Each structure stands twice: as structure tokens, then as C-alpha cells.
Amino acid sequence: MNLENEGNHIKSAREIALEKVALMGEVTEEERLRWKYVPEGEKLAVKYMKQDLNLAAELGKYDEALIGYIKVGASDILLRNIDLPVSDLARKNSKKAMDGLKTIKKDKIAVENVFSKIRNIFNHYTEQGEPQRRQAYEQLKAEFGAKVQEAIRQQLGTVTGLKIDIEKQPQFQEEWRRVKLQFDAQYITLLNEYKQELAAIA
């Protein structure tokens, strides 16, 4: 590989990008600020999710004219971290992301109203959804087990003494993934609607 040519290729790609920007017309100051500070807000939110960081204090370091862009970026990342309580880690992440959103949003009452709807989804998912998923799992396991036994009986003429761990079968795992996705889809749809409501709050 000729590195010199490679360098030229990269340069030409950059030139193409610059030409496209030129064709779009003069970049406004607002666009320039958005390109610079929205990603900074995203980085800040990622840092907040990973570390013990005082978000309010960090936001206080920015100029009033820039804070809006920082909040847009941070809000986007925090919203992505609100997820169904499928594990303790998911629960903790959602709580931390929600605390962060409450810090950066001005209209705390509107935010809290949406949060209560999200908590209702989480409670329903855990309290009613979990027994339903468990029941569906056991039902699928029984059906799958019966099919496997039947297939073995047809091939070998007998199933005595054969122990098969149904749960370890790739086809069973695949089928369960599909069923679980269907279960979760209704919750995810609602959760996404509420996240859009949160995104729209100032």
C-alpha cells in the first residue's frame, strides 16, 4: 500500500466534505456552536453515567449562551440510558439517567409527571410482566420438550433413559428470545413515547 496515495485519498475525502459544506452556504454561528457543544454535552453525560459526577456543578462551568447545546447533547445520552428493568444494573442506570435529566431540565414538574408514567411501566414490567414471562417460558419449555421427545421417539423408537436439557438447546433459546421480544415490545413502545415527551421538555 502506498501511504502517500493513502494520504491524498484522505485529503480528497476532506476536500469533498468541505465542498459540500460550501455548497450548503455559509455555516451560521448557531450551527458552528451546535457542532462543537452538542458532542461536548454527550461526553459529559457519558462521564456522568460512568462516574460519580456532580452534573449541576459541571453544567455551571459553561457560559449561558452555550448551556442549551450542552443540555441537548447530554439529554440525548441520558434518555438512551433509560431502559426496562431487566436487571439490577439496568435499574441503576435508569435511575441515574433520570436523576441526571431532572438536573438538566428546567420544567421539573413536567419531568416528574413523565417519570411517574415511566415508573408505572417499570413496576408493571416487574410485578405483572415477570410472572407472565415465567409462565410463557415454562409453557414454551414444555412444548419444546414434547417436540424433542417425539422426534427422538420417531428416530430411535424409544426415549427411556435419555435426558435432554431443553434450556440449553439453541433452537429453544432462539424461540425464547423471539417470545421475550414480543413481550417486551409493548413496554418498549410506551417507554419510547415517554422518552420523546421528556426530550421535548425544556
N, C-alpha and C. Protein backbone atom coordinates (compact mmCIF):
# COMPACT_ATOMS: atom_id res chain seq x y z
N MET A 1 0.85 -1.20 0.00
CA MET A 1 0.00 0.00 0.00
C MET A 1 0.88 1.25 0.00
N ASN A 2 0.59 2.16 -0.91
CA ASN A 2 1.34 3.40 -0.99
C ASN A 2 0.73 4.43 -0.03
N LEU A 3 1.48 4.70 1.05
CA LEU A 3 0.96 5.59 2.09
C LEU A 3 0.74 7.00 1.58
N GLU A 4 1.59 7.41 0.66
CA GLU A 4 1.45 8.77 0.11
C GLU A 4 0.11 8.93 -0.59
N ASN A 5 -0.22 7.90 -1.39
CA ASN A 5 -1.52 7.92 -2.09
C ASN A 5 -2.66 7.87 -1.10
N GLU A 6 -2.45 7.07 -0.03
CA GLU A 6 -3.49 6.94 1.01
C GLU A 6 -3.77 8.32 1.62
N GLY A 7 -2.69 9.05 1.89
CA GLY A 7 -2.83 10.41 2.43
C GLY A 7 -3.59 11.30 1.50
N ASN A 8 -3.31 11.20 0.23
CA ASN A 8 -4.01 12.01 -0.77
C ASN A 8 -5.50 11.68 -0.79
N HIS A 9 -5.77 10.38 -0.64
CA HIS A 9 -7.17 9.93 -0.66
C HIS A 9 -7.94 10.55 0.52
N ILE A 10 -7.31 10.50 1.69
CA ILE A 10 -7.95 11.08 2.89
C ILE A 10 -8.18 12.57 2.67
N LYS A 11 -7.16 13.22 2.12
CA LYS A 11 -7.26 14.66 1.88
C LYS A 11 -8.42 14.97 0.92
N SER A 12 -8.53 14.16 -0.12
CA SER A 12 -9.60 14.42 -1.10
C SER A 12 -10.98 14.21 -0.47
N ALA A 13 -11.08 13.22 0.43
CA ALA A 13 -12.36 12.99 1.12
C ALA A 13 -12.71 14.23 1.96
N ARG A 14 -11.68 14.81 2.58
CA ARG A 14 -11.89 16.01 3.39
C ARG A 14 -12.30 17.18 2.49
N GLU A 15 -11.65 17.26 1.36
CA GLU A 15 -11.98 18.33 0.40
C GLU A 15 -13.43 18.21 -0.06
N ILE A 16 -13.85 16.96 -0.31
CA ILE A 16 -15.24 16.73 -0.74
C ILE A 16 -16.20 17.23 0.34
N ALA A 17 -15.88 16.89 1.59
CA ALA A 17 -16.72 17.33 2.71
C ALA A 17 -16.79 18.85 2.77
N LEU A 18 -15.65 19.48 2.60
CA LEU A 18 -15.60 20.95 2.64
C LEU A 18 -16.40 21.56 1.48
N GLU A 19 -16.30 20.93 0.31
CA GLU A 19 -17.07 21.42 -0.85
C GLU A 19 -18.57 21.33 -0.57
N LYS A 20 -18.97 20.21 0.05
CA LYS A 20 -20.39 20.04 0.37
C LYS A 20 -20.87 21.14 1.33
N VAL A 21 -20.04 21.42 2.32
CA VAL A 21 -20.38 22.49 3.27
C VAL A 21 -20.48 23.82 2.54
N ALA A 22 -19.55 24.05 1.61
CA ALA A 22 -19.55 25.30 0.83
C ALA A 22 -20.83 25.41 0.01
N LEU A 23 -21.26 24.29 -0.57
CA LEU A 23 -22.49 24.29 -1.37
C LEU A 23 -23.72 24.60 -0.52
N MET A 24 -23.68 24.17 0.75
CA MET A 24 -24.81 24.42 1.65
C MET A 24 -24.91 25.91 1.99
N GLY A 25 -23.87 26.62 1.68
CA GLY A 25 -23.88 28.04 2.02
C GLY A 25 -23.08 28.28 3.28
N GLU A 26 -23.01 29.50 3.68
CA GLU A 26 -22.22 29.90 4.85
C GLU A 26 -22.76 29.21 6.10
N VAL A 27 -21.84 28.61 6.88
CA VAL A 27 -22.24 27.98 8.13
C VAL A 27 -22.54 29.07 9.14
N THR A 28 -23.71 28.99 9.75
CA THR A 28 -24.08 30.03 10.71
C THR A 28 -23.35 29.80 12.03
N GLU A 29 -23.27 30.82 12.82
CA GLU A 29 -22.63 30.74 14.14
C GLU A 29 -23.36 29.71 15.01
N GLU A 30 -24.69 29.68 14.86
CA GLU A 30 -25.50 28.74 15.64
C GLU A 30 -25.13 27.29 15.30
N GLU A 31 -24.95 27.02 13.99
CA GLU A 31 -24.58 25.66 13.56
C GLU A 31 -23.20 25.29 14.08
N ARG A 32 -22.30 26.26 14.03
CA ARG A 32 -20.93 26.02 14.49
C ARG A 32 -20.93 25.67 15.99
N LEU A 33 -21.70 26.40 16.75
CA LEU A 33 -21.79 26.15 18.19
C LEU A 33 -22.43 24.79 18.46
N ARG A 34 -23.46 24.48 17.68
CA ARG A 34 -24.15 23.18 17.83
C ARG A 34 -23.18 22.03 17.57
N TRP A 35 -22.42 22.13 16.46
CA TRP A 35 -21.47 21.07 16.11
C TRP A 35 -20.41 20.88 17.19
N LYS A 36 -20.04 21.97 17.84
CA LYS A 36 -18.98 21.89 18.85
C LYS A 36 -19.51 21.44 20.21
N TYR A 37 -20.63 22.02 20.65
CA TYR A 37 -21.04 21.83 22.04
C TYR A 37 -22.05 20.71 22.29
N VAL A 38 -22.82 20.30 21.26
CA VAL A 38 -23.72 19.14 21.47
C VAL A 38 -22.87 17.89 21.78
N PRO A 39 -21.80 17.62 21.00
CA PRO A 39 -20.95 16.46 21.34
C PRO A 39 -20.30 16.59 22.73
N GLU A 40 -20.00 17.82 23.15
CA GLU A 40 -19.44 18.02 24.49
C GLU A 40 -20.45 17.62 25.55
N GLY A 41 -21.71 17.97 25.31
CA GLY A 41 -22.78 17.57 26.23
C GLY A 41 -22.92 16.06 26.29
N GLU A 42 -22.76 15.41 25.12
CA GLU A 42 -22.84 13.94 25.07
C GLU A 42 -21.72 13.33 25.91
N LYS A 43 -20.50 13.87 25.74
CA LYS A 43 -19.34 13.36 26.50
C LYS A 43 -19.56 13.54 28.00
N LEU A 44 -20.11 14.68 28.37
CA LEU A 44 -20.37 14.98 29.78
C LEU A 44 -21.34 13.95 30.37
N ALA A 45 -22.40 13.63 29.62
CA ALA A 45 -23.40 12.67 30.10
C ALA A 45 -22.81 11.27 30.22
N VAL A 46 -21.95 10.88 29.27
CA VAL A 46 -21.29 9.56 29.32
C VAL A 46 -20.44 9.48 30.59
N LYS A 47 -19.70 10.57 30.85
CA LYS A 47 -18.85 10.64 32.04
C LYS A 47 -19.71 10.54 33.32
N TYR A 48 -20.82 11.26 33.30
CA TYR A 48 -21.75 11.24 34.45
C TYR A 48 -22.28 9.83 34.70
N MET A 49 -22.62 9.10 33.63
CA MET A 49 -23.17 7.75 33.78
C MET A 49 -22.11 6.78 34.33
N LYS A 50 -20.84 7.03 34.00
CA LYS A 50 -19.78 6.10 34.42
C LYS A 50 -19.17 6.45 35.77
N GLN A 51 -19.22 7.73 36.14
CA GLN A 51 -18.54 8.17 37.36
C GLN A 51 -19.51 8.84 38.32
N ASP A 52 -18.97 9.14 39.51
CA ASP A 52 -19.74 9.91 40.49
C ASP A 52 -19.46 11.38 40.21
N LEU A 53 -20.31 12.00 39.43
CA LEU A 53 -20.06 13.34 38.93
C LEU A 53 -21.22 14.26 39.30
N ASN A 54 -20.91 15.45 39.77
CA ASN A 54 -21.96 16.43 40.09
C ASN A 54 -22.33 17.16 38.79
N LEU A 55 -23.43 16.72 38.20
CA LEU A 55 -23.84 17.24 36.89
C LEU A 55 -24.15 18.73 36.94
N ALA A 56 -24.84 19.16 37.99
CA ALA A 56 -25.20 20.58 38.11
C ALA A 56 -23.95 21.44 38.16
N ALA A 57 -22.95 21.00 38.92
CA ALA A 57 -21.69 21.76 39.04
C ALA A 57 -20.97 21.81 37.69
N GLU A 58 -20.96 20.69 36.97
CA GLU A 58 -20.31 20.64 35.66
C GLU A 58 -20.99 21.59 34.67
N LEU A 59 -22.32 21.60 34.69
CA LEU A 59 -23.08 22.48 33.78
C LEU A 59 -22.82 23.95 34.12
N GLY A 60 -22.60 24.22 35.41
CA GLY A 60 -22.35 25.58 35.86
C GLY A 60 -21.07 26.19 35.31
N LYS A 61 -20.20 25.32 34.78
CA LYS A 61 -18.92 25.81 34.23
C LYS A 61 -19.08 26.43 32.85
N TYR A 62 -20.24 26.21 32.23
CA TYR A 62 -20.43 26.70 30.85
C TYR A 62 -21.13 28.05 30.81
N ASP A 63 -20.80 28.77 29.79
CA ASP A 63 -21.40 30.08 29.53
C ASP A 63 -22.89 29.90 29.24
N GLU A 64 -23.70 30.84 29.65
CA GLU A 64 -25.15 30.80 29.45
C GLU A 64 -25.52 30.59 27.98
N ALA A 65 -24.74 31.17 27.08
CA ALA A 65 -25.03 31.08 25.64
C ALA A 65 -24.80 29.66 25.10
N LEU A 66 -23.99 28.87 25.80
CA LEU A 66 -23.64 27.52 25.32
C LEU A 66 -24.41 26.41 26.01
N ILE A 67 -24.97 26.73 27.17
CA ILE A 67 -25.57 25.70 28.02
C ILE A 67 -26.68 24.92 27.30
N GLY A 68 -27.43 25.61 26.44
CA GLY A 68 -28.51 24.95 25.69
C GLY A 68 -28.00 23.80 24.84
N TYR A 69 -26.86 24.01 24.15
CA TYR A 69 -26.29 22.96 23.29
C TYR A 69 -25.78 21.79 24.13
N ILE A 70 -25.13 22.14 25.25
CA ILE A 70 -24.61 21.11 26.15
C ILE A 70 -25.76 20.23 26.65
N LYS A 71 -26.86 20.87 27.03
CA LYS A 71 -28.02 20.13 27.55
C LYS A 71 -28.64 19.23 26.49
N VAL A 72 -28.68 19.69 25.24
CA VAL A 72 -29.24 18.86 24.15
C VAL A 72 -28.44 17.57 24.03
N GLY A 73 -27.11 17.69 24.00
CA GLY A 73 -26.24 16.51 23.88
C GLY A 73 -26.37 15.59 25.07
N ALA A 74 -26.34 16.19 26.27
CA ALA A 74 -26.42 15.39 27.50
C ALA A 74 -27.77 14.67 27.60
N SER A 75 -28.83 15.40 27.28
CA SER A 75 -30.19 14.85 27.35
C SER A 75 -30.34 13.62 26.46
N ASP A 76 -29.77 13.69 25.26
CA ASP A 76 -29.85 12.59 24.29
C ASP A 76 -29.24 11.30 24.88
N ILE A 77 -28.05 11.44 25.47
CA ILE A 77 -27.36 10.28 26.05
C ILE A 77 -28.13 9.74 27.26
N LEU A 78 -28.60 10.64 28.11
CA LEU A 78 -29.33 10.21 29.32
C LEU A 78 -30.61 9.47 28.95
N LEU A 79 -31.31 9.96 27.94
CA LEU A 79 -32.55 9.28 27.50
C LEU A 79 -32.26 7.87 27.01
N ARG A 80 -31.13 7.70 26.32
CA ARG A 80 -30.78 6.37 25.81
C ARG A 80 -30.49 5.39 26.95
N ASN A 81 -30.14 5.92 28.12
CA ASN A 81 -29.81 5.06 29.25
C ASN A 81 -31.02 4.67 30.10
N ILE A 82 -32.20 5.15 29.73
CA ILE A 82 -33.42 4.73 30.44
C ILE A 82 -33.95 3.49 29.71
N ASP A 83 -33.95 2.37 30.43
CA ASP A 83 -34.33 1.11 29.79
C ASP A 83 -35.17 0.25 30.73
N LEU A 84 -35.79 -0.78 30.19
CA LEU A 84 -36.61 -1.68 31.00
C LEU A 84 -35.77 -2.30 32.12
N PRO A 85 -36.36 -2.50 33.30
CA PRO A 85 -35.60 -3.04 34.44
C PRO A 85 -35.38 -4.55 34.32
N VAL A 86 -34.59 -4.94 33.32
CA VAL A 86 -34.35 -6.37 33.09
C VAL A 86 -33.30 -6.92 34.06
N SER A 87 -32.54 -6.03 34.70
CA SER A 87 -31.52 -6.45 35.67
C SER A 87 -31.30 -5.31 36.67
N ASP A 88 -30.53 -5.61 37.72
CA ASP A 88 -30.22 -4.58 38.71
C ASP A 88 -29.42 -3.44 38.08
N LEU A 89 -28.51 -3.81 37.18
CA LEU A 89 -27.69 -2.80 36.51
C LEU A 89 -28.57 -1.87 35.66
N ALA A 90 -29.52 -2.46 34.93
CA ALA A 90 -30.43 -1.65 34.10
C ALA A 90 -31.25 -0.71 34.98
N ARG A 91 -31.68 -1.22 36.15
CA ARG A 91 -32.45 -0.40 37.10
C ARG A 91 -31.62 0.79 37.58
N LYS A 92 -30.37 0.51 37.98
CA LYS A 92 -29.48 1.56 38.49
C LYS A 92 -29.20 2.61 37.41
N ASN A 93 -28.93 2.13 36.19
CA ASN A 93 -28.65 3.04 35.08
C ASN A 93 -29.83 3.96 34.79
N SER A 94 -31.02 3.38 34.77
CA SER A 94 -32.23 4.17 34.51
C SER A 94 -32.42 5.23 35.57
N LYS A 95 -32.22 4.84 36.83
CA LYS A 95 -32.41 5.79 37.94
C LYS A 95 -31.41 6.94 37.82
N LYS A 96 -30.15 6.59 37.52
CA LYS A 96 -29.11 7.62 37.42
C LYS A 96 -29.40 8.55 36.24
N ALA A 97 -29.82 7.98 35.12
CA ALA A 97 -30.14 8.79 33.93
C ALA A 97 -31.31 9.73 34.23
N MET A 98 -32.32 9.21 34.95
CA MET A 98 -33.49 10.03 35.28
C MET A 98 -33.10 11.16 36.25
N ASP A 99 -32.24 10.85 37.22
CA ASP A 99 -31.75 11.90 38.13
C ASP A 99 -31.01 12.99 37.33
N GLY A 100 -30.22 12.54 36.36
CA GLY A 100 -29.46 13.48 35.52
C GLY A 100 -30.38 14.37 34.71
N LEU A 101 -31.42 13.77 34.14
CA LEU A 101 -32.39 14.54 33.34
C LEU A 101 -33.09 15.59 34.20
N LYS A 102 -33.41 15.20 35.42
CA LYS A 102 -34.09 16.14 36.32
C LYS A 102 -33.18 17.34 36.62
N THR A 103 -31.89 17.08 36.67
CA THR A 103 -30.92 18.15 36.92
C THR A 103 -30.86 19.13 35.74
N ILE A 104 -30.89 18.59 34.51
CA ILE A 104 -30.66 19.49 33.36
C ILE A 104 -31.94 20.13 32.79
N LYS A 105 -33.10 19.58 33.14
CA LYS A 105 -34.35 20.15 32.62
C LYS A 105 -34.85 21.26 33.54
N LYS A 106 -35.38 22.32 32.93
CA LYS A 106 -35.90 23.45 33.73
C LYS A 106 -37.25 23.12 34.35
N ASP A 107 -38.14 22.53 33.52
CA ASP A 107 -39.51 22.27 33.98
C ASP A 107 -39.57 20.96 34.77
N LYS A 108 -39.21 21.05 36.05
CA LYS A 108 -39.10 19.85 36.90
C LYS A 108 -40.45 19.14 37.08
N ILE A 109 -41.53 19.91 37.10
CA ILE A 109 -42.86 19.31 37.32
C ILE A 109 -43.25 18.45 36.12
N ALA A 110 -43.04 18.99 34.92
CA ALA A 110 -43.36 18.22 33.70
C ALA A 110 -42.51 16.95 33.64
N VAL A 111 -41.24 17.07 34.02
CA VAL A 111 -40.33 15.92 34.02
C VAL A 111 -40.83 14.87 35.01
N GLU A 112 -41.19 15.30 36.20
CA GLU A 112 -41.66 14.37 37.23
C GLU A 112 -42.96 13.68 36.81
N ASN A 113 -43.82 14.38 36.08
CA ASN A 113 -45.06 13.77 35.57
C ASN A 113 -44.75 12.62 34.61
N VAL A 114 -43.79 12.82 33.74
CA VAL A 114 -43.42 11.76 32.80
C VAL A 114 -42.71 10.63 33.56
N PHE A 115 -41.86 11.00 34.51
CA PHE A 115 -41.17 9.98 35.31
C PHE A 115 -42.15 9.05 36.02
N SER A 116 -43.25 9.62 36.53
CA SER A 116 -44.22 8.75 37.24
C SER A 116 -44.83 7.75 36.26
N LYS A 117 -45.03 8.17 35.00
CA LYS A 117 -45.56 7.22 33.98
C LYS A 117 -44.51 6.13 33.68
N ILE A 118 -43.23 6.55 33.62
CA ILE A 118 -42.16 5.58 33.37
C ILE A 118 -42.05 4.59 34.53
N ARG A 119 -42.16 5.11 35.76
CA ARG A 119 -42.10 4.20 36.94
C ARG A 119 -43.26 3.21 36.92
N ASN A 120 -44.42 3.66 36.45
CA ASN A 120 -45.57 2.74 36.34
C ASN A 120 -45.26 1.59 35.38
N ILE A 121 -44.63 1.94 34.26
CA ILE A 121 -44.24 0.89 33.28
C ILE A 121 -43.27 -0.08 33.95
N PHE A 122 -42.26 0.48 34.64
CA PHE A 122 -41.25 -0.37 35.28
C PHE A 122 -41.89 -1.29 36.32
N ASN A 123 -42.81 -0.75 37.12
CA ASN A 123 -43.48 -1.56 38.14
C ASN A 123 -44.31 -2.67 37.50
N HIS A 124 -45.03 -2.32 36.44
CA HIS A 124 -45.86 -3.31 35.75
C HIS A 124 -44.97 -4.40 35.15
N TYR A 125 -43.86 -3.98 34.56
CA TYR A 125 -42.92 -4.92 33.92
C TYR A 125 -42.40 -5.92 34.95
N THR A 126 -42.11 -5.43 36.15
CA THR A 126 -41.55 -6.29 37.21
C THR A 126 -42.63 -7.12 37.88
N GLU A 127 -43.74 -6.48 38.26
CA GLU A 127 -44.74 -7.18 39.08
C GLU A 127 -45.67 -8.08 38.27
N GLN A 128 -46.27 -7.52 37.19
CA GLN A 128 -47.18 -8.35 36.39
C GLN A 128 -46.44 -9.06 35.25
N GLY A 129 -45.51 -8.35 34.66
CA GLY A 129 -44.81 -8.90 33.49
C GLY A 129 -43.96 -10.10 33.81
N GLU A 130 -43.26 -10.05 34.95
CA GLU A 130 -42.34 -11.14 35.31
C GLU A 130 -43.06 -12.49 35.45
N PRO A 131 -44.19 -12.58 36.21
CA PRO A 131 -44.90 -13.87 36.28
C PRO A 131 -45.41 -14.33 34.91
N GLN A 132 -45.85 -13.38 34.08
CA GLN A 132 -46.33 -13.75 32.73
C GLN A 132 -45.19 -14.31 31.88
N ARG A 133 -44.02 -13.67 31.98
CA ARG A 133 -42.86 -14.17 31.22
C ARG A 133 -42.44 -15.55 31.71
N ARG A 134 -42.47 -15.72 33.04
CA ARG A 134 -42.10 -17.01 33.63
C ARG A 134 -43.05 -18.11 33.15
N GLN A 135 -44.34 -17.81 33.14
CA GLN A 135 -45.36 -18.77 32.69
C GLN A 135 -45.14 -19.11 31.21
N ALA A 136 -44.89 -18.09 30.40
CA ALA A 136 -44.65 -18.30 28.96
C ALA A 136 -43.40 -19.16 28.75
N TYR A 137 -42.39 -18.91 29.59
CA TYR A 137 -41.13 -19.66 29.50
C TYR A 137 -41.37 -21.14 29.77
N GLU A 138 -42.08 -21.42 30.87
CA GLU A 138 -42.36 -22.81 31.25
C GLU A 138 -43.22 -23.51 30.19
N GLN A 139 -44.18 -22.77 29.64
CA GLN A 139 -45.06 -23.33 28.60
C GLN A 139 -44.24 -23.69 27.35
N LEU A 140 -43.37 -22.76 26.95
CA LEU A 140 -42.53 -22.98 25.76
C LEU A 140 -41.60 -24.18 26.00
N LYS A 141 -41.07 -24.26 27.22
CA LYS A 141 -40.15 -25.36 27.57
C LYS A 141 -40.88 -26.70 27.47
N ALA A 142 -42.11 -26.73 27.97
CA ALA A 142 -42.90 -27.97 27.94
C ALA A 142 -43.20 -28.38 26.49
N GLU A 143 -43.63 -27.40 25.69
CA GLU A 143 -43.96 -27.67 24.27
C GLU A 143 -42.71 -28.14 23.52
N PHE A 144 -41.63 -27.45 23.75
CA PHE A 144 -40.38 -27.77 23.07
C PHE A 144 -39.89 -29.16 23.48
N GLY A 145 -40.01 -29.43 24.80
CA GLY A 145 -39.60 -30.74 25.32
C GLY A 145 -40.40 -31.87 24.68
N ALA A 146 -41.71 -31.66 24.54
CA ALA A 146 -42.58 -32.67 23.92
C ALA A 146 -42.18 -32.92 22.47
N LYS A 147 -41.85 -31.85 21.76
CA LYS A 147 -41.45 -31.99 20.34
C LYS A 147 -40.14 -32.77 20.22
N VAL A 148 -39.20 -32.47 21.10
CA VAL A 148 -37.90 -33.15 21.06
C VAL A 148 -38.08 -34.63 21.39
N GLN A 149 -38.87 -34.93 22.42
CA GLN A 149 -39.14 -36.33 22.80
C GLN A 149 -39.77 -37.10 21.63
N GLU A 150 -40.71 -36.43 20.97
CA GLU A 150 -41.40 -37.06 19.83
C GLU A 150 -40.42 -37.34 18.69
N ALA A 151 -39.53 -36.37 18.42
CA ALA A 151 -38.54 -36.54 17.35
C ALA A 151 -37.60 -37.70 17.66
N ILE A 152 -37.18 -37.80 18.92
CA ILE A 152 -36.28 -38.90 19.32
C ILE A 152 -37.01 -40.23 19.22
N ARG A 153 -38.29 -40.24 19.66
CA ARG A 153 -39.06 -41.49 19.62
C ARG A 153 -39.22 -41.99 18.18
N GLN A 154 -39.43 -41.05 17.27
CA GLN A 154 -39.59 -41.45 15.86
C GLN A 154 -38.28 -41.99 15.28
N GLN A 155 -37.17 -41.43 15.72
CA GLN A 155 -35.88 -41.88 15.18
C GLN A 155 -35.40 -43.17 15.84
N LEU A 156 -35.53 -43.24 17.19
CA LEU A 156 -34.96 -44.37 17.92
C LEU A 156 -36.00 -45.39 18.37
N GLY A 157 -37.27 -44.99 18.32
CA GLY A 157 -38.34 -45.89 18.75
C GLY A 157 -38.53 -45.90 20.26
N THR A 158 -37.64 -45.22 20.99
CA THR A 158 -37.76 -45.16 22.46
C THR A 158 -37.12 -43.88 22.99
N VAL A 159 -37.57 -43.44 24.15
CA VAL A 159 -36.97 -42.24 24.77
C VAL A 159 -36.51 -42.54 26.20
N THR A 160 -36.64 -43.78 26.62
CA THR A 160 -36.29 -44.10 28.01
C THR A 160 -34.79 -43.91 28.24
N GLY A 161 -34.50 -43.35 29.40
CA GLY A 161 -33.10 -43.17 29.79
C GLY A 161 -32.40 -41.98 29.15
N LEU A 162 -33.09 -41.30 28.25
CA LEU A 162 -32.46 -40.14 27.60
C LEU A 162 -32.83 -38.86 28.33
N LYS A 163 -31.81 -38.13 28.75
CA LYS A 163 -32.05 -36.85 29.43
C LYS A 163 -31.55 -35.73 28.53
N ILE A 164 -32.43 -34.82 28.19
CA ILE A 164 -32.03 -33.70 27.34
C ILE A 164 -32.32 -32.39 28.06
N ASP A 165 -31.31 -31.54 28.14
CA ASP A 165 -31.50 -30.23 28.77
C ASP A 165 -32.09 -29.28 27.73
N ILE A 166 -33.42 -29.15 27.76
CA ILE A 166 -34.13 -28.34 26.77
C ILE A 166 -33.62 -26.91 26.74
N GLU A 167 -33.38 -26.36 27.94
CA GLU A 167 -32.99 -24.94 28.04
C GLU A 167 -31.67 -24.62 27.35
N LYS A 168 -30.84 -25.67 27.18
CA LYS A 168 -29.53 -25.43 26.54
C LYS A 168 -29.60 -25.58 25.02
N GLN A 169 -30.72 -26.03 24.51
CA GLN A 169 -30.85 -26.21 23.05
C GLN A 169 -30.90 -24.84 22.34
N PRO A 170 -30.04 -24.64 21.33
CA PRO A 170 -30.02 -23.35 20.62
C PRO A 170 -31.38 -22.96 20.04
N GLN A 171 -32.13 -23.96 19.52
CA GLN A 171 -33.45 -23.64 18.94
C GLN A 171 -34.40 -23.13 20.01
N PHE A 172 -34.32 -23.74 21.21
CA PHE A 172 -35.17 -23.29 22.31
C PHE A 172 -34.81 -21.86 22.71
N GLN A 173 -33.51 -21.60 22.86
CA GLN A 173 -33.04 -20.26 23.25
C GLN A 173 -33.48 -19.21 22.23
N GLU A 174 -33.38 -19.58 20.95
CA GLU A 174 -33.77 -18.67 19.87
C GLU A 174 -35.27 -18.36 19.94
N GLU A 175 -36.05 -19.40 20.14
CA GLU A 175 -37.51 -19.25 20.22
C GLU A 175 -37.90 -18.40 21.44
N TRP A 176 -37.20 -18.63 22.57
CA TRP A 176 -37.49 -17.86 23.77
C TRP A 176 -37.15 -16.38 23.57
N ARG A 177 -36.01 -16.12 22.90
CA ARG A 177 -35.63 -14.74 22.60
C ARG A 177 -36.74 -14.03 21.82
N ARG A 178 -37.29 -14.77 20.84
CA ARG A 178 -38.35 -14.22 19.99
C ARG A 178 -39.61 -13.90 20.83
N VAL A 179 -40.00 -14.85 21.69
CA VAL A 179 -41.18 -14.67 22.54
C VAL A 179 -40.97 -13.50 23.51
N LYS A 180 -39.78 -13.44 24.11
CA LYS A 180 -39.48 -12.38 25.08
C LYS A 180 -39.49 -11.01 24.40
N LEU A 181 -38.99 -10.95 23.17
CA LEU A 181 -39.00 -9.68 22.43
C LEU A 181 -40.43 -9.20 22.21
N GLN A 182 -41.33 -10.14 21.90
CA GLN A 182 -42.74 -9.79 21.73
C GLN A 182 -43.32 -9.24 23.03
N PHE A 183 -42.98 -9.89 24.14
CA PHE A 183 -43.43 -9.45 25.47
C PHE A 183 -42.95 -8.03 25.75
N ASP A 184 -41.64 -7.82 25.51
CA ASP A 184 -41.02 -6.53 25.86
C ASP A 184 -41.44 -5.41 24.92
N ALA A 185 -41.81 -5.77 23.69
CA ALA A 185 -42.10 -4.75 22.66
C ALA A 185 -43.17 -3.76 23.11
N GLN A 186 -44.23 -4.25 23.76
CA GLN A 186 -45.32 -3.35 24.19
C GLN A 186 -44.82 -2.34 25.22
N TYR A 187 -43.93 -2.80 26.11
CA TYR A 187 -43.36 -1.91 27.12
C TYR A 187 -42.41 -0.90 26.47
N ILE A 188 -41.59 -1.39 25.54
CA ILE A 188 -40.61 -0.53 24.87
C ILE A 188 -41.30 0.57 24.07
N THR A 189 -42.41 0.22 23.41
CA THR A 189 -43.16 1.21 22.63
C THR A 189 -43.62 2.35 23.53
N LEU A 190 -44.20 2.01 24.67
CA LEU A 190 -44.66 3.03 25.63
C LEU A 190 -43.50 3.84 26.17
N LEU A 191 -42.44 3.14 26.54
CA LEU A 191 -41.26 3.80 27.11
C LEU A 191 -40.68 4.81 26.12
N ASN A 192 -40.62 4.42 24.85
CA ASN A 192 -40.10 5.33 23.82
C ASN A 192 -40.97 6.58 23.66
N GLU A 193 -42.28 6.39 23.79
CA GLU A 193 -43.19 7.55 23.72
C GLU A 193 -42.90 8.53 24.86
N TYR A 194 -42.71 7.97 26.05
CA TYR A 194 -42.43 8.83 27.22
C TYR A 194 -41.06 9.51 27.10
N LYS A 195 -40.11 8.79 26.50
CA LYS A 195 -38.78 9.40 26.29
C LYS A 195 -38.87 10.58 25.32
N GLN A 196 -39.73 10.44 24.32
CA GLN A 196 -39.93 11.56 23.37
C GLN A 196 -40.55 12.74 24.09
N GLU A 197 -41.49 12.45 25.00
CA GLU A 197 -42.09 13.54 25.80
C GLU A 197 -41.02 14.23 26.62
N LEU A 198 -40.12 13.45 27.22
CA LEU A 198 -39.03 14.03 28.03
C LEU A 198 -38.11 14.89 27.17
N ALA A 199 -37.81 14.41 25.97
CA ALA A 199 -36.90 15.14 25.06
C ALA A 199 -37.47 16.52 24.73
N ALA A 200 -38.81 16.60 24.66
CA ALA A 200 -39.47 17.85 24.28
C ALA A 200 -39.57 18.86 25.43
N ILE A 201 -39.32 18.39 26.65
CA ILE A 201 -39.43 19.30 27.81
C ILE A 201 -38.17 20.17 27.92
N ALA A 202 -38.38 21.45 28.14
CA ALA A 202 -37.25 22.39 28.24
C ALA A 202 -36.47 22.18 29.53
